[in-house]
Amino acid sequence: MLGAFSYEHQAGEHRCRRGLAVLRRLVGALKPGGVLVLGEFLGPSDDLVLRAPDERSASLVRRFNAALRTLVTKGGSDWSWAAKVPESMRDAGLERIEVSEYREDA
């Protein structure tokens, strides 16, 4: 069993389908008033291509992302876990949930 923590940081639960179970275990290890910080990766969507030199290049990126999504999912990951995290945190009993998104659109 984990001890009681005032602060925990966890990244990458998108890699497994056990995300909610892991989240509940982390929440259970928090001291009252403790803070849990999650860093998650939201997989690329089909509209990822913002700019491309030509349609062939854009199509190649879309095909690569589709193949990556298939590979990751077959490997046991939940590609959509990051989008479910805020609701899952509420379901696990956390309060004052704050979400911030970092994105590079260079």
N, C-alpha and C. Protein backbone atom coordinates (compact mmCIF):
# COMPACT_ATOMS: atom_id res chain seq x y z
N MET A 1 0.84 -1.19 0.00
CA MET A 1 0.00 0.00 0.00
C MET A 1 0.87 1.24 0.00
N LEU A 2 0.42 2.24 -0.70
CA LEU A 2 1.11 3.52 -0.73
C LEU A 2 0.91 4.25 0.58
N GLY A 3 1.87 5.10 0.94
CA GLY A 3 1.70 5.95 2.11
C GLY A 3 0.80 7.12 1.76
N ALA A 4 0.63 8.05 2.70
CA ALA A 4 -0.20 9.23 2.46
C ALA A 4 0.70 10.35 1.95
N PHE A 5 0.29 11.00 0.87
CA PHE A 5 1.08 12.03 0.25
C PHE A 5 0.30 13.34 0.18
N SER A 6 1.04 14.46 0.30
CA SER A 6 0.43 15.78 0.13
C SER A 6 0.43 16.17 -1.34
N TYR A 7 1.36 15.61 -2.10
CA TYR A 7 1.51 15.97 -3.51
C TYR A 7 1.94 14.74 -4.30
N GLU A 8 1.28 14.48 -5.40
CA GLU A 8 1.68 13.40 -6.29
C GLU A 8 1.68 13.92 -7.71
N HIS A 9 2.56 13.39 -8.52
CA HIS A 9 2.58 13.72 -9.94
C HIS A 9 2.64 12.41 -10.72
N GLN A 10 1.77 12.30 -11.69
CA GLN A 10 1.73 11.09 -12.51
C GLN A 10 1.58 11.50 -13.96
N ALA A 11 2.33 10.90 -14.83
CA ALA A 11 2.22 11.20 -16.26
C ALA A 11 2.09 9.91 -17.05
N GLY A 12 1.32 9.98 -18.09
CA GLY A 12 1.29 8.88 -19.03
C GLY A 12 0.33 7.76 -18.75
N GLU A 13 -0.74 7.99 -18.01
CA GLU A 13 -1.69 6.91 -17.77
C GLU A 13 -2.46 6.55 -19.03
N HIS A 14 -2.32 7.37 -20.08
CA HIS A 14 -2.98 7.04 -21.35
C HIS A 14 -2.42 5.74 -21.91
N ARG A 15 -1.29 5.32 -21.41
CA ARG A 15 -0.64 4.13 -21.96
C ARG A 15 -1.33 2.84 -21.57
N CYS A 16 -2.25 2.92 -20.63
CA CYS A 16 -2.89 1.67 -20.21
C CYS A 16 -4.39 1.85 -20.06
N ARG A 17 -5.10 0.78 -20.19
CA ARG A 17 -6.56 0.82 -20.04
C ARG A 17 -6.96 0.84 -18.57
N ARG A 18 -5.99 0.77 -17.70
CA ARG A 18 -6.26 0.76 -16.26
C ARG A 18 -6.25 2.16 -15.68
N GLY A 19 -6.36 3.18 -16.50
CA GLY A 19 -6.23 4.56 -16.04
C GLY A 19 -7.09 4.91 -14.85
N LEU A 20 -8.38 4.53 -14.87
CA LEU A 20 -9.27 4.87 -13.78
C LEU A 20 -8.87 4.15 -12.49
N ALA A 21 -8.48 2.89 -12.59
CA ALA A 21 -8.04 2.15 -11.40
C ALA A 21 -6.78 2.77 -10.81
N VAL A 22 -5.85 3.15 -11.68
CA VAL A 22 -4.62 3.80 -11.20
C VAL A 22 -4.95 5.14 -10.57
N LEU A 23 -5.83 5.91 -11.20
CA LEU A 23 -6.23 7.20 -10.66
C LEU A 23 -6.84 7.04 -9.27
N ARG A 24 -7.72 6.09 -9.11
CA ARG A 24 -8.35 5.87 -7.78
C ARG A 24 -7.31 5.49 -6.73
N ARG A 25 -6.32 4.72 -7.13
CA ARG A 25 -5.27 4.35 -6.17
C ARG A 25 -4.45 5.58 -5.77
N LEU A 26 -4.15 6.43 -6.74
CA LEU A 26 -3.42 7.66 -6.44
C LEU A 26 -4.23 8.57 -5.52
N VAL A 27 -5.52 8.72 -5.81
CA VAL A 27 -6.39 9.55 -4.98
C VAL A 27 -6.44 8.99 -3.56
N GLY A 28 -6.50 7.68 -3.44
CA GLY A 28 -6.52 7.06 -2.12
C GLY A 28 -5.26 7.29 -1.32
N ALA A 29 -4.16 7.57 -2.00
CA ALA A 29 -2.89 7.79 -1.32
C ALA A 29 -2.68 9.25 -0.93
N LEU A 30 -3.57 10.14 -1.34
CA LEU A 30 -3.44 11.56 -1.00
C LEU A 30 -3.88 11.83 0.43
N LYS A 31 -3.16 12.71 1.08
CA LYS A 31 -3.62 13.22 2.38
C LYS A 31 -4.79 14.16 2.12
N PRO A 32 -5.66 14.37 3.10
CA PRO A 32 -6.73 15.36 2.93
C PRO A 32 -6.13 16.72 2.54
N GLY A 33 -6.68 17.32 1.52
CA GLY A 33 -6.17 18.60 1.04
C GLY A 33 -4.96 18.47 0.12
N GLY A 34 -4.54 17.23 -0.17
CA GLY A 34 -3.38 17.01 -1.04
C GLY A 34 -3.67 17.39 -2.48
N VAL A 35 -2.61 17.42 -3.26
CA VAL A 35 -2.69 17.84 -4.66
C VAL A 35 -2.21 16.70 -5.56
N LEU A 36 -2.95 16.44 -6.61
CA LEU A 36 -2.58 15.44 -7.60
C LEU A 36 -2.43 16.14 -8.94
N VAL A 37 -1.28 16.00 -9.57
CA VAL A 37 -1.02 16.60 -10.87
C VAL A 37 -0.85 15.48 -11.88
N LEU A 38 -1.65 15.51 -12.92
CA LEU A 38 -1.56 14.51 -13.99
C LEU A 38 -1.09 15.18 -15.27
N GLY A 39 -0.18 14.55 -15.95
CA GLY A 39 0.24 15.01 -17.28
C GLY A 39 -0.14 13.93 -18.28
N GLU A 40 -1.01 14.27 -19.18
CA GLU A 40 -1.50 13.28 -20.14
C GLU A 40 -1.26 13.73 -21.58
N PHE A 41 -1.18 12.77 -22.46
CA PHE A 41 -0.99 13.02 -23.88
C PHE A 41 -2.30 12.76 -24.59
N LEU A 42 -2.80 13.77 -25.26
CA LEU A 42 -4.01 13.61 -26.06
C LEU A 42 -3.57 13.33 -27.49
N GLY A 43 -3.86 12.14 -27.94
CA GLY A 43 -3.41 11.71 -29.26
C GLY A 43 -3.90 12.63 -30.36
N PRO A 44 -3.15 12.68 -31.44
CA PRO A 44 -3.54 13.57 -32.54
C PRO A 44 -4.86 13.16 -33.15
N SER A 45 -5.62 14.16 -33.53
CA SER A 45 -6.91 13.91 -34.17
C SER A 45 -6.73 13.91 -35.68
N ASP A 46 -7.79 13.59 -36.38
CA ASP A 46 -7.72 13.56 -37.83
C ASP A 46 -7.50 14.94 -38.43
N ASP A 47 -7.85 15.99 -37.69
CA ASP A 47 -7.67 17.34 -38.20
C ASP A 47 -6.35 17.95 -37.74
N LEU A 48 -5.38 17.09 -37.44
CA LEU A 48 -4.08 17.55 -36.94
C LEU A 48 -3.34 18.44 -37.94
N VAL A 49 -3.48 18.18 -39.21
CA VAL A 49 -2.72 18.91 -40.22
C VAL A 49 -3.31 20.32 -40.37
N LEU A 50 -2.58 21.30 -39.87
CA LEU A 50 -3.02 22.69 -39.98
C LEU A 50 -2.50 23.32 -41.27
N ARG A 51 -1.28 22.97 -41.62
CA ARG A 51 -0.66 23.47 -42.84
C ARG A 51 0.20 22.34 -43.42
N ALA A 52 0.22 22.25 -44.71
CA ALA A 52 1.07 21.28 -45.40
C ALA A 52 1.46 21.86 -46.75
N PRO A 53 2.62 21.48 -47.25
CA PRO A 53 3.03 22.03 -48.55
C PRO A 53 2.12 21.59 -49.70
N ASP A 54 1.48 20.43 -49.51
CA ASP A 54 0.57 19.95 -50.55
C ASP A 54 -0.33 18.87 -49.95
N GLU A 55 -1.35 18.46 -50.70
CA GLU A 55 -2.31 17.47 -50.20
C GLU A 55 -1.66 16.11 -49.98
N ARG A 56 -0.68 15.76 -50.80
CA ARG A 56 0.01 14.47 -50.63
C ARG A 56 0.69 14.42 -49.25
N SER A 57 1.34 15.50 -48.86
CA SER A 57 2.00 15.56 -47.55
C SER A 57 0.98 15.49 -46.42
N ALA A 58 -0.12 16.22 -46.56
CA ALA A 58 -1.17 16.19 -45.54
C ALA A 58 -1.75 14.79 -45.42
N SER A 59 -1.96 14.13 -46.55
CA SER A 59 -2.50 12.77 -46.54
C SER A 59 -1.55 11.81 -45.86
N LEU A 60 -0.26 11.97 -46.08
CA LEU A 60 0.74 11.11 -45.44
C LEU A 60 0.70 11.25 -43.92
N VAL A 61 0.58 12.48 -43.42
CA VAL A 61 0.49 12.71 -41.97
C VAL A 61 -0.77 12.07 -41.41
N ARG A 62 -1.89 12.23 -42.10
CA ARG A 62 -3.14 11.62 -41.64
C ARG A 62 -3.04 10.10 -41.62
N ARG A 63 -2.43 9.52 -42.62
CA ARG A 63 -2.27 8.05 -42.67
C ARG A 63 -1.35 7.58 -41.54
N PHE A 64 -0.27 8.31 -41.29
CA PHE A 64 0.64 7.96 -40.20
C PHE A 64 -0.09 7.99 -38.87
N ASN A 65 -0.86 9.06 -38.63
CA ASN A 65 -1.59 9.17 -37.36
C ASN A 65 -2.62 8.06 -37.20
N ALA A 66 -3.29 7.69 -38.27
CA ALA A 66 -4.25 6.59 -38.21
C ALA A 66 -3.54 5.28 -37.87
N ALA A 67 -2.38 5.04 -38.47
CA ALA A 67 -1.62 3.83 -38.17
C ALA A 67 -1.13 3.84 -36.73
N LEU A 68 -0.67 5.00 -36.26
CA LEU A 68 -0.21 5.12 -34.88
C LEU A 68 -1.35 4.85 -33.90
N ARG A 69 -2.53 5.40 -34.17
CA ARG A 69 -3.69 5.18 -33.31
C ARG A 69 -4.02 3.68 -33.25
N THR A 70 -4.00 3.01 -34.39
CA THR A 70 -4.27 1.57 -34.43
C THR A 70 -3.24 0.80 -33.63
N LEU A 71 -1.98 1.11 -33.81
CA LEU A 71 -0.89 0.42 -33.11
C LEU A 71 -1.00 0.62 -31.59
N VAL A 72 -1.22 1.86 -31.18
CA VAL A 72 -1.31 2.17 -29.75
C VAL A 72 -2.51 1.46 -29.12
N THR A 73 -3.64 1.47 -29.80
CA THR A 73 -4.85 0.83 -29.29
C THR A 73 -4.67 -0.68 -29.19
N LYS A 74 -4.10 -1.28 -30.21
CA LYS A 74 -3.87 -2.72 -30.18
C LYS A 74 -2.87 -3.10 -29.09
N GLY A 75 -2.00 -2.16 -28.73
CA GLY A 75 -1.02 -2.40 -27.68
C GLY A 75 -1.60 -2.27 -26.28
N GLY A 76 -2.88 -1.95 -26.18
CA GLY A 76 -3.53 -1.89 -24.88
C GLY A 76 -3.74 -0.50 -24.33
N SER A 77 -3.44 0.51 -25.10
CA SER A 77 -3.63 1.88 -24.62
C SER A 77 -5.00 2.40 -24.97
N ASP A 78 -5.47 3.31 -24.17
CA ASP A 78 -6.74 3.99 -24.43
C ASP A 78 -6.41 5.36 -25.00
N TRP A 79 -6.52 5.49 -26.30
CA TRP A 79 -6.14 6.72 -26.99
C TRP A 79 -6.93 7.92 -26.49
N SER A 80 -8.12 7.68 -25.96
CA SER A 80 -8.98 8.79 -25.55
C SER A 80 -8.92 9.09 -24.04
N TRP A 81 -8.06 8.42 -23.30
CA TRP A 81 -8.01 8.58 -21.85
C TRP A 81 -7.82 10.03 -21.42
N ALA A 82 -6.93 10.76 -22.07
CA ALA A 82 -6.65 12.14 -21.64
C ALA A 82 -7.91 13.00 -21.65
N ALA A 83 -8.79 12.77 -22.61
CA ALA A 83 -10.03 13.54 -22.69
C ALA A 83 -10.99 13.18 -21.56
N LYS A 84 -10.82 12.01 -20.97
CA LYS A 84 -11.70 11.53 -19.91
C LYS A 84 -11.19 11.88 -18.51
N VAL A 85 -9.98 12.38 -18.41
CA VAL A 85 -9.36 12.58 -17.10
C VAL A 85 -10.15 13.51 -16.18
N PRO A 86 -10.58 14.70 -16.61
CA PRO A 86 -11.29 15.57 -15.66
C PRO A 86 -12.53 14.91 -15.06
N GLU A 87 -13.35 14.28 -15.87
CA GLU A 87 -14.54 13.59 -15.36
C GLU A 87 -14.15 12.42 -14.46
N SER A 88 -13.10 11.71 -14.83
CA SER A 88 -12.64 10.58 -14.02
C SER A 88 -12.12 11.06 -12.67
N MET A 89 -11.49 12.23 -12.64
CA MET A 89 -11.01 12.78 -11.38
C MET A 89 -12.18 13.11 -10.46
N ARG A 90 -13.26 13.68 -11.04
CA ARG A 90 -14.46 13.95 -10.23
C ARG A 90 -15.05 12.64 -9.72
N ASP A 91 -15.14 11.64 -10.60
CA ASP A 91 -15.68 10.33 -10.21
C ASP A 91 -14.86 9.68 -9.11
N ALA A 92 -13.57 9.99 -9.07
CA ALA A 92 -12.69 9.42 -8.05
C ALA A 92 -12.74 10.20 -6.74
N GLY A 93 -13.55 11.28 -6.70
CA GLY A 93 -13.74 12.02 -5.45
C GLY A 93 -12.93 13.28 -5.32
N LEU A 94 -12.19 13.67 -6.35
CA LEU A 94 -11.41 14.90 -6.25
C LEU A 94 -12.29 16.13 -6.45
N GLU A 95 -11.87 17.23 -5.86
CA GLU A 95 -12.56 18.50 -5.98
C GLU A 95 -11.58 19.53 -6.53
N ARG A 96 -12.11 20.67 -6.95
CA ARG A 96 -11.27 21.77 -7.47
C ARG A 96 -10.34 21.28 -8.58
N ILE A 97 -10.90 20.72 -9.58
CA ILE A 97 -10.12 20.19 -10.71
C ILE A 97 -9.86 21.31 -11.70
N GLU A 98 -8.61 21.49 -12.05
CA GLU A 98 -8.21 22.51 -13.01
C GLU A 98 -7.53 21.82 -14.19
N VAL A 99 -7.86 22.25 -15.38
CA VAL A 99 -7.30 21.66 -16.59
C VAL A 99 -6.60 22.75 -17.39
N SER A 100 -5.41 22.47 -17.83
CA SER A 100 -4.72 23.38 -18.75
C SER A 100 -4.18 22.54 -19.90
N GLU A 101 -4.16 23.14 -21.05
CA GLU A 101 -3.72 22.44 -22.25
C GLU A 101 -2.49 23.12 -22.83
N TYR A 102 -1.54 22.32 -23.20
CA TYR A 102 -0.36 22.84 -23.89
C TYR A 102 -0.36 22.25 -25.30
N ARG A 103 -0.18 23.11 -26.26
CA ARG A 103 -0.21 22.66 -27.64
C ARG A 103 0.77 23.46 -28.46
N GLU A 104 1.47 22.78 -29.34
CA GLU A 104 2.38 23.46 -30.24
C GLU A 104 1.78 23.45 -31.64
N ASP A 105 1.59 24.59 -32.20
CA ASP A 105 1.04 24.73 -33.55
C ASP A 105 2.02 25.45 -34.46
N ALA A 106 3.25 25.08 -34.38
CA ALA A 106 4.28 25.78 -35.16
C ALA A 106 4.15 25.56 -36.64
